[in-house]
Structure formats: structure tokens, C-alpha cells
């Protein structure tokens, strides 16, 4: 893998120039080299940082724009920031961000060596569950509520019957 020293984006070994900032690329020699994971701001920034820290992945956020507005000086989390993680933890951090919805797999270009490809034979959620119309969904909810009430009534009457039976034995 190669790294842009200016913007910290990862690139495949074939690339010679960064596609983001046109800077020359260098090979990664240290596993602790910070690399770009994603850009976020505000609540999303805090959510991603918390998820990474909960999984013992060190991360740092670097504010993108040097020309910050006055309000952003007060609350630096409202400024758009790049989240950087160590190269050794990139794969795990990437998977976590996909899991929490911070990175959409369809929208990003997945690097060949950095992230394992997902098995395409697994059925998606849309294939596992059928789509229901509003009427069918409402019917299922009503029938589920009736079944739940019937189970509660059965438990109450069954307990009452068993208690009466036991009292009858002693009494």
C-alpha cells in the first residue's frame, strides 16, 4: 500500500500520484503511520470516534479547513474533520465504520489489499424478508397483539386453575 503524505489517503501500489491532492505517494514503512479513514463533523464525528475507541482503536481527528468560522472556534466538533487511524488498525476501523453506518460500501472505492471483500453468496436482508404492504403489516400487528393477549390470559387462567387445584388437595 502507498500513502499520500499530504492528505493521508491510502492508495494501491500501482498508483504514483494521489488522486485527491496530486501529491507523490510513498510506501508505508511503519504500522503506526496515521492514515485517513473518513471525514465527519458534529455528532457523526463523535459517534465514529466513540465506536473506534470502544474497540480499542486509537484515532485522531484533524480539522480539514484552516479558515475556520468564528462559531467553529467555539465548538471545534462542528467543523468537518478527517479521522485518522493507525495503518495496522485500518481494516478493523473500516469494518466498524461500515457496521455503524458511517461508511456506505456502495459509495466508497474499496482498496484491494486494505479491506477484505464481502462474500457475495450471502443473501441480503431484502432477499431474506418479503416486503409487506401497509394493510398486511397492520394485520400482522393486530394478530400479534391478539396472540400476545391470549397468551397472557392463558397464563393467568392456568395459574388460577393450578392454584385452585392445589387448594382443593389440602382443603
N, C-alpha and C. Protein backbone atom coordinates (compact mmCIF):
# COMPACT_ATOMS: atom_id res chain seq x y z
N UNK A 1 0.84 -1.18 0.00
CA UNK A 1 0.00 0.00 0.00
C UNK A 1 0.88 1.23 0.00
N UNK A 2 0.36 2.28 -0.63
CA UNK A 2 1.07 3.55 -0.65
C UNK A 2 0.21 4.60 0.05
N UNK A 3 0.90 5.62 0.56
CA UNK A 3 0.25 6.66 1.35
C UNK A 3 0.63 8.03 0.81
N UNK A 4 -0.38 8.90 0.75
CA UNK A 4 -0.12 10.29 0.42
C UNK A 4 0.30 10.99 1.71
N UNK A 5 1.47 11.56 1.73
CA UNK A 5 1.96 12.20 2.96
C UNK A 5 1.23 13.50 3.26
N UNK A 6 0.58 14.06 2.27
CA UNK A 6 -0.12 15.34 2.47
C UNK A 6 -1.53 15.13 3.05
N UNK A 7 -2.35 14.30 2.39
CA UNK A 7 -3.74 14.13 2.83
C UNK A 7 -3.98 12.82 3.56
N UNK A 8 -2.99 11.94 3.65
CA UNK A 8 -3.02 10.68 4.40
C UNK A 8 -3.95 9.62 3.81
N UNK A 9 -4.34 9.75 2.54
CA UNK A 9 -5.19 8.75 1.90
C UNK A 9 -4.35 7.56 1.46
N UNK A 10 -4.93 6.36 1.57
CA UNK A 10 -4.29 5.13 1.10
C UNK A 10 -4.55 4.93 -0.38
N UNK A 11 -3.57 4.34 -1.06
CA UNK A 11 -3.70 4.05 -2.49
C UNK A 11 -3.10 2.69 -2.77
N UNK A 12 -3.48 2.11 -3.89
CA UNK A 12 -2.90 0.83 -4.32
C UNK A 12 -1.45 1.05 -4.74
N UNK A 13 -0.70 -0.04 -4.78
CA UNK A 13 0.72 0.04 -5.10
C UNK A 13 0.99 0.56 -6.51
N UNK A 14 0.06 0.38 -7.44
CA UNK A 14 0.27 0.81 -8.82
C UNK A 14 0.24 2.32 -8.96
N UNK A 15 -0.46 3.02 -8.07
CA UNK A 15 -0.60 4.47 -8.18
C UNK A 15 0.71 5.17 -7.83
N UNK A 16 0.98 6.28 -8.52
CA UNK A 16 2.20 7.04 -8.27
C UNK A 16 1.88 8.42 -7.68
N UNK A 17 0.65 8.91 -7.97
CA UNK A 17 0.23 10.24 -7.53
C UNK A 17 -1.12 10.13 -6.84
N UNK A 18 -1.32 10.90 -5.80
CA UNK A 18 -2.58 10.90 -5.05
C UNK A 18 -3.71 11.43 -5.92
N UNK A 19 -4.83 10.73 -5.96
CA UNK A 19 -5.97 11.17 -6.76
C UNK A 19 -6.72 12.34 -6.11
N UNK A 20 -6.48 12.60 -4.82
CA UNK A 20 -7.16 13.69 -4.11
C UNK A 20 -6.41 15.01 -4.20
N UNK A 21 -5.07 14.97 -4.04
CA UNK A 21 -4.32 16.22 -3.97
C UNK A 21 -3.12 16.27 -4.93
N UNK A 22 -2.96 15.26 -5.76
CA UNK A 22 -1.89 15.19 -6.76
C UNK A 22 -0.49 15.23 -6.16
N UNK A 23 -0.34 14.79 -4.93
CA UNK A 23 0.98 14.71 -4.30
C UNK A 23 1.59 13.35 -4.59
N UNK A 24 2.91 13.25 -4.54
CA UNK A 24 3.54 11.94 -4.76
C UNK A 24 3.25 11.00 -3.60
N UNK A 25 3.19 9.71 -3.89
CA UNK A 25 2.89 8.70 -2.89
C UNK A 25 4.16 8.03 -2.40
N UNK A 26 4.13 7.58 -1.15
CA UNK A 26 5.25 6.85 -0.56
C UNK A 26 4.75 5.53 0.00
N UNK A 27 5.63 4.54 0.05
CA UNK A 27 5.27 3.25 0.64
C UNK A 27 5.19 3.39 2.16
N UNK A 28 4.32 2.61 2.76
CA UNK A 28 4.16 2.64 4.21
C UNK A 28 5.22 1.74 4.83
N UNK A 29 6.02 2.31 5.73
CA UNK A 29 7.07 1.54 6.37
C UNK A 29 6.75 1.23 7.82
N UNK A 30 5.94 2.05 8.46
CA UNK A 30 5.62 1.89 9.88
C UNK A 30 4.13 1.56 10.03
N UNK A 31 3.82 0.53 10.80
CA UNK A 31 2.43 0.11 11.01
C UNK A 31 1.63 1.15 11.80
N UNK A 32 2.31 2.05 12.51
CA UNK A 32 1.63 3.08 13.30
C UNK A 32 1.42 4.38 12.55
N UNK A 33 1.71 4.40 11.27
CA UNK A 33 1.52 5.59 10.45
C UNK A 33 0.03 5.93 10.40
N UNK A 34 -0.35 7.18 10.72
CA UNK A 34 -1.77 7.54 10.65
C UNK A 34 -2.25 7.62 9.20
N UNK A 35 -3.40 7.00 8.95
CA UNK A 35 -3.99 7.01 7.61
C UNK A 35 -5.43 7.51 7.70
N UNK A 36 -5.92 8.08 6.60
CA UNK A 36 -7.27 8.64 6.51
C UNK A 36 -8.30 7.51 6.52
N UNK A 37 -9.33 7.66 7.36
CA UNK A 37 -10.43 6.70 7.38
C UNK A 37 -11.68 7.29 6.75
N UNK A 38 -12.12 8.45 7.23
CA UNK A 38 -13.29 9.12 6.69
C UNK A 38 -13.34 10.55 7.18
N UNK A 39 -14.25 11.34 6.61
CA UNK A 39 -14.48 12.71 7.05
C UNK A 39 -15.85 12.76 7.72
N UNK A 40 -15.93 13.52 8.82
CA UNK A 40 -17.19 13.65 9.54
C UNK A 40 -17.20 14.97 10.29
N UNK A 41 -18.37 15.34 10.77
CA UNK A 41 -18.48 16.55 11.58
C UNK A 41 -19.59 16.38 12.61
N UNK A 42 -19.54 17.17 13.65
CA UNK A 42 -20.58 17.21 14.67
C UNK A 42 -20.80 15.89 15.36
N UNK A 43 -22.07 15.49 15.47
CA UNK A 43 -22.44 14.26 16.17
C UNK A 43 -21.83 13.04 15.51
N UNK A 44 -21.79 13.02 14.19
CA UNK A 44 -21.24 11.88 13.46
C UNK A 44 -19.76 11.68 13.80
N UNK A 45 -19.02 12.77 13.94
CA UNK A 45 -17.61 12.71 14.31
C UNK A 45 -17.45 12.06 15.68
N UNK A 46 -18.24 12.50 16.64
CA UNK A 46 -18.16 11.95 18.00
C UNK A 46 -18.59 10.49 18.02
N UNK A 47 -19.61 10.14 17.22
CA UNK A 47 -20.12 8.77 17.18
C UNK A 47 -19.06 7.82 16.64
N UNK A 48 -18.38 8.22 15.58
CA UNK A 48 -17.34 7.37 14.98
C UNK A 48 -16.16 7.24 15.94
N UNK A 49 -15.72 8.36 16.52
CA UNK A 49 -14.59 8.31 17.45
C UNK A 49 -14.89 7.43 18.65
N UNK A 50 -16.12 7.51 19.17
CA UNK A 50 -16.52 6.69 20.31
C UNK A 50 -16.53 5.21 19.93
N UNK A 51 -17.07 4.89 18.75
CA UNK A 51 -17.11 3.49 18.31
C UNK A 51 -15.70 2.93 18.15
N UNK A 52 -14.80 3.73 17.61
CA UNK A 52 -13.42 3.26 17.43
C UNK A 52 -12.72 3.08 18.78
N UNK A 53 -12.90 4.04 19.68
CA UNK A 53 -12.27 3.95 20.99
C UNK A 53 -12.83 2.79 21.81
N UNK A 54 -14.13 2.50 21.66
CA UNK A 54 -14.73 1.36 22.36
C UNK A 54 -14.13 0.04 21.89
N UNK A 55 -13.62 0.01 20.68
CA UNK A 55 -13.00 -1.19 20.13
C UNK A 55 -11.48 -1.13 20.20
N UNK A 56 -10.96 -0.27 21.07
CA UNK A 56 -9.52 -0.13 21.32
C UNK A 56 -8.72 0.26 20.09
N UNK A 57 -9.31 1.08 19.24
CA UNK A 57 -8.61 1.59 18.07
C UNK A 57 -8.31 3.06 18.32
N UNK A 58 -7.03 3.43 18.41
CA UNK A 58 -6.72 4.84 18.61
C UNK A 58 -7.07 5.64 17.36
N UNK A 59 -7.60 6.82 17.56
CA UNK A 59 -7.97 7.66 16.42
C UNK A 59 -7.72 9.12 16.76
N UNK A 60 -7.59 9.92 15.72
CA UNK A 60 -7.37 11.34 15.89
C UNK A 60 -8.19 12.04 14.82
N UNK A 61 -8.67 13.23 15.13
CA UNK A 61 -9.41 14.00 14.13
C UNK A 61 -8.63 15.27 13.83
N UNK A 62 -8.52 15.57 12.55
CA UNK A 62 -7.80 16.75 12.08
C UNK A 62 -8.78 17.60 11.30
N UNK A 63 -8.93 18.85 11.71
CA UNK A 63 -9.86 19.76 11.05
C UNK A 63 -9.39 20.00 9.62
N UNK A 64 -10.33 19.88 8.67
CA UNK A 64 -10.00 19.98 7.25
C UNK A 64 -9.60 21.39 6.85
N UNK A 65 -10.47 22.34 7.12
CA UNK A 65 -10.30 23.69 6.61
C UNK A 65 -9.57 24.56 7.62
N UNK A 66 -8.49 25.18 7.20
CA UNK A 66 -7.74 26.05 8.10
C UNK A 66 -8.46 27.38 8.32
N UNK A 67 -9.36 27.75 7.43
CA UNK A 67 -10.09 29.00 7.54
C UNK A 67 -11.40 28.75 8.29
N UNK A 68 -11.32 28.54 9.60
CA UNK A 68 -12.50 28.23 10.39
C UNK A 68 -13.34 29.46 10.65
N UNK A 69 -14.64 29.25 10.71
CA UNK A 69 -15.54 30.34 11.07
C UNK A 69 -15.46 30.58 12.57
N UNK A 70 -15.91 31.74 12.98
CA UNK A 70 -15.83 32.11 14.39
C UNK A 70 -16.57 31.12 15.28
N UNK A 71 -17.74 30.66 14.85
CA UNK A 71 -18.54 29.72 15.64
C UNK A 71 -17.81 28.38 15.79
N UNK A 72 -17.06 27.99 14.78
CA UNK A 72 -16.36 26.70 14.82
C UNK A 72 -15.16 26.74 15.76
N UNK A 73 -14.64 27.94 16.06
CA UNK A 73 -13.59 28.04 17.06
C UNK A 73 -14.14 27.70 18.44
N UNK A 74 -15.40 28.06 18.68
CA UNK A 74 -16.02 27.77 19.96
C UNK A 74 -16.27 26.28 20.11
N UNK A 75 -16.83 25.66 19.09
CA UNK A 75 -17.11 24.23 19.12
C UNK A 75 -16.41 23.58 17.93
N UNK A 76 -15.21 23.08 18.14
CA UNK A 76 -14.42 22.52 17.04
C UNK A 76 -15.05 21.26 16.46
N UNK A 77 -15.97 20.60 17.19
CA UNK A 77 -16.62 19.40 16.66
C UNK A 77 -17.57 19.72 15.52
N UNK A 78 -17.98 20.99 15.38
CA UNK A 78 -18.90 21.34 14.30
C UNK A 78 -18.15 21.51 12.98
N UNK A 79 -16.82 21.59 13.02
CA UNK A 79 -16.03 21.70 11.80
C UNK A 79 -15.82 20.32 11.20
N UNK A 80 -15.80 20.25 9.88
CA UNK A 80 -15.57 18.97 9.22
C UNK A 80 -14.12 18.54 9.45
N UNK A 81 -13.96 17.30 9.89
CA UNK A 81 -12.64 16.78 10.24
C UNK A 81 -12.39 15.45 9.57
N UNK A 82 -11.11 15.18 9.32
CA UNK A 82 -10.68 13.87 8.83
C UNK A 82 -10.34 13.01 10.04
N UNK A 83 -10.81 11.78 10.06
CA UNK A 83 -10.48 10.86 11.14
C UNK A 83 -9.33 9.99 10.66
N UNK A 84 -8.26 9.97 11.46
CA UNK A 84 -7.06 9.21 11.14
C UNK A 84 -6.91 8.07 12.13
N UNK A 85 -6.51 6.90 11.61
CA UNK A 85 -6.26 5.73 12.45
C UNK A 85 -4.90 5.14 12.06
N UNK A 86 -4.27 4.36 12.94
CA UNK A 86 -3.01 3.72 12.56
C UNK A 86 -3.24 2.73 11.42
N UNK A 87 -2.24 2.63 10.52
CA UNK A 87 -2.36 1.73 9.37
C UNK A 87 -2.66 0.30 9.80
N UNK A 88 -2.07 -0.15 10.91
CA UNK A 88 -2.27 -1.53 11.37
C UNK A 88 -3.73 -1.79 11.76
N UNK A 89 -4.47 -0.76 12.15
CA UNK A 89 -5.85 -0.92 12.59
C UNK A 89 -6.86 -0.48 11.53
N UNK A 90 -6.38 -0.19 10.33
CA UNK A 90 -7.26 0.35 9.29
C UNK A 90 -8.41 -0.60 8.94
N UNK A 91 -8.10 -1.88 8.71
CA UNK A 91 -9.14 -2.85 8.33
C UNK A 91 -10.24 -2.93 9.38
N UNK A 92 -9.84 -3.08 10.64
CA UNK A 92 -10.81 -3.19 11.72
C UNK A 92 -11.64 -1.91 11.84
N UNK A 93 -10.99 -0.76 11.74
CA UNK A 93 -11.69 0.52 11.83
C UNK A 93 -12.68 0.68 10.68
N UNK A 94 -12.28 0.26 9.48
CA UNK A 94 -13.14 0.34 8.31
C UNK A 94 -14.39 -0.53 8.51
N UNK A 95 -14.19 -1.75 9.00
CA UNK A 95 -15.32 -2.65 9.25
C UNK A 95 -16.26 -2.08 10.30
N UNK A 96 -15.72 -1.47 11.34
CA UNK A 96 -16.55 -0.87 12.39
C UNK A 96 -17.38 0.27 11.80
N UNK A 97 -16.76 1.09 10.98
CA UNK A 97 -17.49 2.22 10.38
C UNK A 97 -18.59 1.74 9.43
N UNK A 98 -18.35 0.64 8.75
CA UNK A 98 -19.41 0.06 7.92
C UNK A 98 -20.53 -0.45 8.83
N UNK A 99 -20.16 -1.10 9.93
CA UNK A 99 -21.15 -1.65 10.85
C UNK A 99 -22.04 -0.60 11.48
N UNK A 100 -21.51 0.57 11.77
CA UNK A 100 -22.33 1.63 12.40
C UNK A 100 -22.96 2.54 11.36
N UNK A 101 -22.70 2.30 10.09
CA UNK A 101 -23.33 3.08 9.03
C UNK A 101 -22.62 4.37 8.69
N UNK A 102 -21.41 4.57 9.17
CA UNK A 102 -20.67 5.80 8.87
C UNK A 102 -20.08 5.75 7.47
N UNK A 103 -19.78 4.54 6.99
CA UNK A 103 -19.27 4.34 5.63
C UNK A 103 -20.24 3.43 4.91
N UNK A 104 -20.69 3.86 3.74
CA UNK A 104 -21.56 3.05 2.91
C UNK A 104 -20.68 2.32 1.91
N UNK A 105 -20.79 1.01 1.84
CA UNK A 105 -19.94 0.22 0.94
C UNK A 105 -20.16 0.60 -0.51
N UNK A 106 -21.39 0.97 -0.89
CA UNK A 106 -21.68 1.29 -2.28
C UNK A 106 -21.01 2.59 -2.72
N UNK A 107 -20.83 3.53 -1.77
CA UNK A 107 -20.33 4.85 -2.12
C UNK A 107 -18.82 4.96 -2.13
N UNK A 108 -18.12 3.98 -1.61
CA UNK A 108 -16.67 4.10 -1.49
C UNK A 108 -15.95 3.13 -2.40
N UNK A 109 -14.74 3.49 -2.75
CA UNK A 109 -13.89 2.59 -3.52
C UNK A 109 -13.08 1.80 -2.52
N UNK A 110 -13.26 0.50 -2.52
CA UNK A 110 -12.57 -0.36 -1.57
C UNK A 110 -11.20 -0.71 -2.14
N UNK A 111 -10.16 -0.47 -1.35
CA UNK A 111 -8.81 -0.80 -1.79
C UNK A 111 -8.61 -2.31 -1.74
N UNK A 112 -7.92 -2.85 -2.70
CA UNK A 112 -7.78 -4.29 -2.83
C UNK A 112 -7.12 -4.93 -1.62
N UNK A 113 -6.01 -4.39 -1.15
CA UNK A 113 -5.26 -5.01 -0.07
C UNK A 113 -5.76 -4.61 1.30
N UNK A 114 -6.41 -3.47 1.43
CA UNK A 114 -6.74 -2.94 2.75
C UNK A 114 -7.96 -3.58 3.37
N UNK A 115 -8.97 -3.91 2.58
CA UNK A 115 -10.22 -4.41 3.14
C UNK A 115 -10.62 -5.70 2.43
N UNK A 116 -10.99 -6.72 3.20
CA UNK A 116 -11.43 -7.97 2.62
C UNK A 116 -12.78 -7.78 1.95
N UNK A 117 -12.97 -8.46 0.83
CA UNK A 117 -14.23 -8.37 0.12
C UNK A 117 -15.28 -9.22 0.81
N UNK A 118 -16.51 -8.73 0.84
CA UNK A 118 -17.61 -9.44 1.46
C UNK A 118 -18.06 -10.58 0.53
N UNK A 119 -18.44 -11.71 1.11
CA UNK A 119 -18.89 -12.85 0.33
C UNK A 119 -20.19 -12.50 -0.37
N UNK A 120 -20.22 -12.59 -1.70
CA UNK A 120 -21.40 -12.20 -2.47
C UNK A 120 -22.47 -13.28 -2.48
N UNK A 121 -22.20 -14.48 -1.95
CA UNK A 121 -23.18 -15.55 -1.92
C UNK A 121 -24.18 -15.40 -0.78
N UNK A 122 -23.88 -14.56 0.22
CA UNK A 122 -24.80 -14.37 1.33
C UNK A 122 -26.01 -13.58 0.87
N UNK A 123 -27.22 -14.02 1.23
CA UNK A 123 -28.40 -13.25 0.85
C UNK A 123 -28.48 -11.96 1.64
N UNK A 124 -28.98 -10.91 1.01
CA UNK A 124 -29.14 -9.63 1.68
C UNK A 124 -30.43 -9.65 2.49
N UNK A 125 -30.65 -8.62 3.30
CA UNK A 125 -31.87 -8.55 4.10
C UNK A 125 -33.10 -8.50 3.22
N UNK A 126 -33.01 -7.82 2.08
CA UNK A 126 -34.15 -7.75 1.17
C UNK A 126 -34.52 -9.12 0.62
N UNK A 127 -33.53 -9.99 0.44
CA UNK A 127 -33.80 -11.33 -0.07
C UNK A 127 -34.34 -12.24 1.02
N UNK A 128 -34.00 -11.98 2.28
CA UNK A 128 -34.44 -12.83 3.38
C UNK A 128 -35.89 -12.56 3.78
N UNK A 129 -36.31 -11.32 3.71
CA UNK A 129 -37.65 -10.94 4.16
C UNK A 129 -38.44 -10.37 3.01
N UNK A 130 -39.73 -10.75 2.98
CA UNK A 130 -40.57 -10.22 1.92
C UNK A 130 -41.05 -8.82 2.28
N UNK A 131 -41.34 -8.03 1.28
CA UNK A 131 -41.86 -6.68 1.50
C UNK A 131 -43.36 -6.81 1.76
N UNK A 132 -43.84 -6.03 2.78
CA UNK A 132 -45.25 -6.09 3.13
C UNK A 132 -45.92 -4.77 2.81
N UNK A 133 -47.16 -4.87 2.37
CA UNK A 133 -47.95 -3.66 2.15
C UNK A 133 -48.41 -3.15 3.51
N UNK A 134 -48.95 -1.95 3.53
CA UNK A 134 -49.41 -1.35 4.78
C UNK A 134 -50.54 -2.15 5.42
N UNK A 135 -51.46 -2.66 4.61
CA UNK A 135 -52.59 -3.44 5.14
C UNK A 135 -52.09 -4.74 5.76
N UNK A 136 -51.19 -5.41 5.07
CA UNK A 136 -50.65 -6.67 5.58
C UNK A 136 -49.87 -6.44 6.87
N UNK A 137 -49.07 -5.37 6.92
CA UNK A 137 -48.30 -5.05 8.12
C UNK A 137 -49.23 -4.78 9.30
N UNK A 138 -50.30 -4.01 9.07
CA UNK A 138 -51.27 -3.71 10.13
C UNK A 138 -51.96 -4.97 10.61
N UNK A 139 -52.33 -5.85 9.67
CA UNK A 139 -52.98 -7.10 10.02
C UNK A 139 -52.06 -7.97 10.89
N UNK A 140 -50.80 -8.05 10.52
CA UNK A 140 -49.84 -8.83 11.29
C UNK A 140 -49.68 -8.25 12.69
N UNK A 141 -49.65 -6.94 12.81
CA UNK A 141 -49.52 -6.30 14.13
C UNK A 141 -50.74 -6.57 15.00
N UNK A 142 -51.94 -6.48 14.43
CA UNK A 142 -53.18 -6.73 15.19
C UNK A 142 -53.23 -8.18 15.64
N UNK A 143 -52.93 -9.11 14.74
CA UNK A 143 -52.95 -10.52 15.10
C UNK A 143 -51.88 -10.84 16.14
N UNK A 144 -50.72 -10.20 16.06
CA UNK A 144 -49.68 -10.40 17.07
C UNK A 144 -50.13 -9.90 18.43
N UNK A 145 -50.81 -8.76 18.47
CA UNK A 145 -51.31 -8.22 19.73
C UNK A 145 -52.36 -9.14 20.33
N UNK A 146 -53.27 -9.67 19.49
CA UNK A 146 -54.30 -10.59 19.98
C UNK A 146 -53.66 -11.87 20.50
N UNK A 147 -52.67 -12.40 19.80
CA UNK A 147 -51.99 -13.61 20.25
C UNK A 147 -51.27 -13.37 21.57
N UNK A 148 -50.65 -12.21 21.73
CA UNK A 148 -49.99 -11.88 22.99
C UNK A 148 -51.00 -11.81 24.14
N UNK A 149 -52.13 -11.15 23.91
CA UNK A 149 -53.16 -11.07 24.95
C UNK A 149 -53.71 -12.46 25.30
N UNK A 150 -53.85 -13.32 24.29
CA UNK A 150 -54.34 -14.67 24.55
C UNK A 150 -53.32 -15.45 25.39
N UNK A 151 -52.04 -15.28 25.14
CA UNK A 151 -51.02 -15.94 25.94
C UNK A 151 -51.02 -15.44 27.39
N UNK A 152 -51.19 -14.14 27.58
CA UNK A 152 -51.26 -13.59 28.93
C UNK A 152 -52.49 -14.14 29.66
N UNK A 153 -53.65 -14.16 28.97
CA UNK A 153 -54.87 -14.69 29.58
C UNK A 153 -54.70 -16.17 29.92
N UNK A 154 -54.08 -16.94 29.02
CA UNK A 154 -53.84 -18.35 29.27
C UNK A 154 -52.95 -18.54 30.50
N UNK A 155 -51.93 -17.72 30.64
CA UNK A 155 -51.04 -17.82 31.81
C UNK A 155 -51.80 -17.49 33.09
N UNK A 156 -52.63 -16.46 33.06
CA UNK A 156 -53.38 -16.07 34.26
C UNK A 156 -54.39 -17.15 34.64
N UNK A 157 -55.19 -17.60 33.67
CA UNK A 157 -56.20 -18.62 33.96
C UNK A 157 -55.55 -19.95 34.33
N UNK A 158 -54.43 -20.29 33.69
CA UNK A 158 -53.73 -21.53 34.02
C UNK A 158 -53.19 -21.49 35.44
N UNK A 159 -52.62 -20.36 35.84
CA UNK A 159 -52.13 -20.20 37.21
C UNK A 159 -53.27 -20.28 38.20
N UNK A 160 -54.41 -19.65 37.88
CA UNK A 160 -55.58 -19.68 38.75
C UNK A 160 -56.10 -21.12 38.89
N UNK A 161 -56.15 -21.87 37.79
CA UNK A 161 -56.61 -23.25 37.82
C UNK A 161 -55.69 -24.11 38.68
N UNK A 162 -54.36 -23.98 38.47
CA UNK A 162 -53.40 -24.78 39.24
C UNK A 162 -53.49 -24.43 40.73
N UNK A 163 -53.62 -23.15 41.06
CA UNK A 163 -53.74 -22.74 42.46
C UNK A 163 -55.01 -23.32 43.08
N UNK A 164 -56.13 -23.29 42.35
CA UNK A 164 -57.38 -23.87 42.85
C UNK A 164 -57.27 -25.37 43.05
N UNK A 165 -56.60 -26.03 42.13
CA UNK A 165 -56.40 -27.47 42.24
C UNK A 165 -55.58 -27.83 43.48
N UNK A 166 -54.48 -27.08 43.71
CA UNK A 166 -53.64 -27.34 44.88
C UNK A 166 -54.40 -27.05 46.18
N UNK A 167 -55.20 -25.99 46.19
CA UNK A 167 -56.02 -25.68 47.38
C UNK A 167 -57.02 -26.79 47.66
N UNK A 168 -57.56 -27.37 46.59
CA UNK A 168 -58.52 -28.44 46.73
C UNK A 168 -57.92 -29.69 47.34
N UNK A 169 -56.64 -29.91 47.11
CA UNK A 169 -55.98 -31.08 47.68
C UNK A 169 -55.81 -30.96 49.19
N UNK A 170 -55.66 -29.73 49.69
CA UNK A 170 -55.44 -29.52 51.12
C UNK A 170 -56.70 -29.08 51.85
N UNK A 171 -57.75 -28.97 51.18
CA UNK A 171 -58.78 -28.43 51.85
C UNK A 171 -60.10 -28.66 52.14
